[in-house]
């Protein structure tokens, strides 16, 4: 990273992007028109701030771009930050958006006769093997994790495993697929994260953007 290169802000695609954009704009950042164009194929966008560009990537990839210095700042859920646990990332600010939870779920007919407190081992499909293993290991349960990147709810119905660990917001997707929550692992919100090296080498610039997002978050909360 050089001091004269543009600051790069990594934002996640999908639901969280819609929730975080009011904060981005409140922090004084307005992306170029192509950012709102659904037919646009570009992933990097200029903004009204000549010193700052935005990249739009998958939510899991935000942490990787920030950790390896390809982006200086990013917005990522604490589920992603905890799963990767990159020491190169500092997350100084909870943006109070993207509220959901990481939960264990299983078929309704199984839930009525099941007690998680009696488990000694469990097989689950999840996008979060590290978090899942840590959660179960804390109470002496051995977790075999089958890594999936989507369509988690299909795993029990197709016999891949009996349980899943996934993000839950309203629970509607679980219900539509005959599943119910039986345990919450952690609550999730999106955080502003910073590359630690960038924070040291460009302290004034990075610090200014952190403060802008802090003020924007406080203003929206008020």
Foldseek 3Di string as FASTA:
>chain_A
DDPQAAAEEEEEDDDQCVVCVLLCVLLPWAWDPVVPPPPDDDQKTATPDNRYIYGYYHQLCQVVCQQVVVHFKYKHKVLSCVLVVRPQKDFDWFLPPPKWFWFKKFAPVVVVVDDPLPAQEFEEEECRVPLVQVQQVVNNHGYHYDYDDDPRLVCCVVVVGGMYIDIGDPCPVQVVSRMDTDGTSGIMTMTMMGRNVCCVVVVVVVVSSVVSSVVSSVVVVD
